[in-house]
Amino acid sequence: MTEIVNRVANSSIATINLEEGYPKEDRIIFDLKPFLFQELILKEKDFRAALKELFWDEYSNKWVAITCTADAIIPNWAFMLVATYLENVAKGYVIGDLKDLENFISEDFISKIDFEVFENRPVVIKGCSDFPIPMYAYGRLISLVQKHAKSIMYGEPCSTVPLYKKPKG
């Protein structure tokens, strides 16, 4: 009887699993709407006083999207002022919606990957995950890994879809 050899495990294929290490802390919205007078006007003095009184620890170790859900014209500095309070409290923040926040989280996470380890190697980008990884993350990942990889596939090492193969020469 011949021995069964796991060729995938013994190959030089590198697997990237975005789910591993991807930030899973809570994502929340900081909405400026409750700070507006009649949900229309931002009164600077009242706004500043309210922010000073706010219990900021509820944003501790969370990803925060700073936005305003009211149909009001809010000056840019108001969003930026909120950011100054979140700087040393939140895990991270963006001025924008939850989709902007998720894209920021993806960018932050992917920027920490050492792509040199994929130099001239076949790479599989793992496709199945229990945690929702945004499409932005996959697009950003492919743009960075393609500069190094010999080839790129998507899926599982035993069943992949080829995406890219480095031209010879």
Protein backbone atom coordinates (compact mmCIF):
# COMPACT_ATOMS: atom_id res chain seq x y z
CA MET A 1 0.00 0.00 0.00
CA THR A 2 1.35 3.44 -0.90
CA GLU A 3 1.62 6.22 1.63
CA ILE A 4 -0.75 9.16 1.20
CA VAL A 5 1.20 12.40 0.88
CA ASN A 6 -0.37 15.77 1.50
CA ARG A 7 1.21 17.70 -1.38
CA VAL A 8 -0.59 20.92 -0.41
CA ALA A 9 0.88 20.91 3.10
CA ASN A 10 4.36 20.17 1.73
CA SER A 11 4.28 22.80 -1.02
CA SER A 12 5.65 26.33 -1.06
CA ILE A 13 2.12 27.73 -1.29
CA ALA A 14 1.53 30.58 1.13
CA THR A 15 -2.00 31.12 2.41
CA ILE A 16 -3.40 34.49 3.40
CA ASN A 17 -6.40 34.22 5.67
CA LEU A 18 -7.76 37.71 6.31
CA GLU A 19 -9.97 36.39 9.08
CA GLU A 20 -6.91 35.52 11.17
CA GLY A 21 -6.06 38.59 13.17
CA TYR A 22 -8.67 40.79 11.49
CA PRO A 23 -9.96 43.28 14.08
CA LYS A 24 -13.20 42.07 15.65
CA GLU A 25 -13.79 44.81 18.23
CA ASP A 26 -17.17 46.55 18.19
CA ARG A 27 -17.93 49.08 15.48
CA ILE A 28 -20.16 51.94 16.60
CA ILE A 29 -21.42 55.29 15.36
CA PHE A 30 -20.87 58.61 17.08
CA ASP A 31 -23.81 60.62 15.77
CA LEU A 32 -23.77 64.41 16.04
CA LYS A 33 -27.56 64.57 15.63
CA PRO A 34 -28.36 64.53 19.39
CA PHE A 35 -26.04 67.51 19.88
CA LEU A 36 -27.92 69.74 17.44
CA PHE A 37 -30.48 72.35 18.44
CA GLN A 38 -33.80 71.13 17.00
CA GLU A 39 -31.75 68.60 14.97
CA LEU A 40 -30.79 71.44 12.63
CA ILE A 41 -28.23 73.78 14.13
CA LEU A 42 -24.95 73.24 15.86
CA LYS A 43 -24.40 75.80 18.60
CA GLU A 44 -20.67 75.83 19.20
CA LYS A 45 -20.69 76.76 22.88
CA ASP A 46 -23.33 74.13 23.76
CA PHE A 47 -21.64 71.52 21.60
CA ARG A 48 -18.25 72.01 23.22
CA ALA A 49 -19.80 71.89 26.71
CA ALA A 50 -21.70 68.68 25.89
CA LEU A 51 -18.55 66.98 24.58
CA LYS A 52 -16.65 67.90 27.75
CA GLU A 53 -19.40 66.29 29.86
CA LEU A 54 -19.67 63.12 27.78
CA PHE A 55 -18.58 59.79 29.29
CA TRP A 56 -15.96 58.86 26.66
CA ASP A 57 -15.07 55.49 28.24
CA GLU A 58 -18.05 53.92 26.43
CA TYR A 59 -15.94 54.25 23.24
CA SER A 60 -12.95 52.53 24.79
CA ASN A 61 -11.35 49.90 22.53
CA LYS A 62 -14.08 50.31 19.88
CA TRP A 63 -13.92 51.39 16.27
CA VAL A 64 -15.96 54.57 15.80
CA ALA A 65 -17.55 56.19 12.76
CA ILE A 66 -18.14 59.90 13.40
CA THR A 67 -21.16 61.03 11.38
CA CYS A 68 -24.37 63.02 11.49
CA THR A 69 -27.63 61.33 10.55
CA ALA A 70 -29.61 64.60 10.58
CA ASP A 71 -30.14 66.51 7.37
CA ALA A 72 -28.16 69.49 8.62
CA ILE A 73 -25.11 71.42 7.51
CA ILE A 74 -22.39 70.68 10.03
CA PRO A 75 -19.03 72.46 9.91
CA ASN A 76 -16.02 70.20 9.39
CA TRP A 77 -14.42 71.30 12.65
CA ALA A 78 -17.29 69.72 14.62
CA PHE A 79 -16.41 66.23 13.37
CA MET A 80 -12.74 66.94 13.95
CA LEU A 81 -13.43 68.11 17.50
CA VAL A 82 -15.12 64.80 18.29
CA ALA A 83 -12.07 63.02 16.86
CA THR A 84 -9.81 64.82 19.35
CA TYR A 85 -11.79 63.29 22.21
CA LEU A 86 -11.69 59.80 20.68
CA GLU A 87 -7.96 59.88 19.90
CA ASN A 88 -6.75 58.28 23.14
CA VAL A 89 -9.90 56.30 23.86
CA ALA A 90 -11.14 54.48 20.75
CA LYS A 91 -9.34 51.65 18.98
CA GLY A 92 -9.63 53.83 15.88
CA TYR A 93 -12.04 56.19 14.18
CA VAL A 94 -13.02 57.79 10.89
CA ILE A 95 -15.15 60.73 9.94
CA GLY A 96 -17.70 58.94 7.80
CA ASP A 97 -20.15 56.06 7.93
CA LEU A 98 -19.71 52.42 8.96
CA LYS A 99 -18.59 51.43 5.45
CA ASP A 100 -15.85 54.07 5.57
CA LEU A 101 -14.88 52.74 8.99
CA GLU A 102 -14.66 49.15 7.75
CA ASN A 103 -12.50 50.23 4.82
CA PHE A 104 -10.22 52.07 7.24
CA ILE A 105 -9.97 49.00 9.47
CA SER A 106 -9.13 46.87 6.43
CA GLU A 107 -6.45 49.29 5.28
CA ASP A 108 -4.95 49.47 8.76
CA PHE A 109 -4.90 45.67 9.10
CA ILE A 110 -3.52 44.96 5.61
CA SER A 111 -0.82 47.64 5.91
CA LYS A 112 0.75 45.57 8.70
CA ILE A 113 1.24 42.47 6.53
CA ASP A 114 4.83 41.76 5.46
CA PHE A 115 4.42 41.10 1.75
CA GLU A 116 8.11 40.25 1.30
CA VAL A 117 7.37 36.72 2.62
CA PHE A 118 5.31 36.11 -0.54
CA GLU A 119 8.18 36.94 -2.91
CA ASN A 120 8.06 34.58 -5.92
CA ARG A 121 5.74 32.17 -4.14
CA PRO A 122 2.31 30.88 -5.10
CA VAL A 123 -0.25 32.52 -2.83
CA VAL A 124 -3.76 31.43 -1.94
CA ILE A 125 -6.11 34.07 -0.57
CA LYS A 126 -8.47 32.11 1.63
CA GLY A 127 -12.08 32.64 0.63
CA CYS A 128 -14.31 31.25 3.32
CA SER A 129 -14.64 33.06 6.63
CA ASP A 130 -17.06 33.25 9.51
CA PHE A 131 -16.40 36.97 9.93
CA PRO A 132 -17.59 39.37 7.21
CA ILE A 133 -14.51 40.69 5.43
CA PRO A 134 -15.34 43.67 3.16
CA MET A 135 -14.63 43.50 -0.56
CA TYR A 136 -12.39 46.54 -0.15
CA ALA A 137 -10.00 44.37 1.88
CA TYR A 138 -9.71 41.79 -0.89
CA GLY A 139 -9.12 44.49 -3.50
CA ARG A 140 -6.44 46.16 -1.40
CA LEU A 141 -4.82 42.81 -0.60
CA ILE A 142 -4.58 41.76 -4.24
CA SER A 143 -3.05 45.12 -5.21
CA LEU A 144 -0.26 44.63 -2.67
CA VAL A 145 0.43 40.89 -2.91
CA GLN A 146 0.51 40.89 -6.73
CA LYS A 147 3.75 42.89 -6.68
CA HIS A 148 5.46 39.97 -4.94
CA ALA A 149 3.69 36.69 -5.66
CA LYS A 150 4.58 34.20 -8.37
CA SER A 151 0.89 33.39 -8.69
CA ILE A 152 -2.31 34.18 -6.82
CA MET A 153 -5.30 31.94 -6.30
CA TYR A 154 -8.54 32.41 -4.39
CA GLY A 155 -10.38 29.82 -2.31
CA GLU A 156 -8.99 26.93 -0.30
CA PRO A 157 -5.57 25.34 -1.01
CA CYS A 158 -7.31 22.14 -2.18
CA SER A 159 -9.78 23.96 -4.47
CA THR A 160 -8.75 27.32 -5.86
CA VAL A 161 -9.60 29.74 -8.64
CA PRO A 162 -6.51 31.12 -10.39
CA LEU A 163 -6.37 34.93 -10.42
CA TYR A 164 -2.87 35.91 -11.47
CA LYS A 165 0.36 34.43 -12.77
CA LYS A 166 3.54 36.51 -13.01
CA PRO A 167 4.78 36.75 -16.59
CA LYS A 168 8.03 34.95 -17.31
CA GLY A 169 11.08 37.08 -17.91
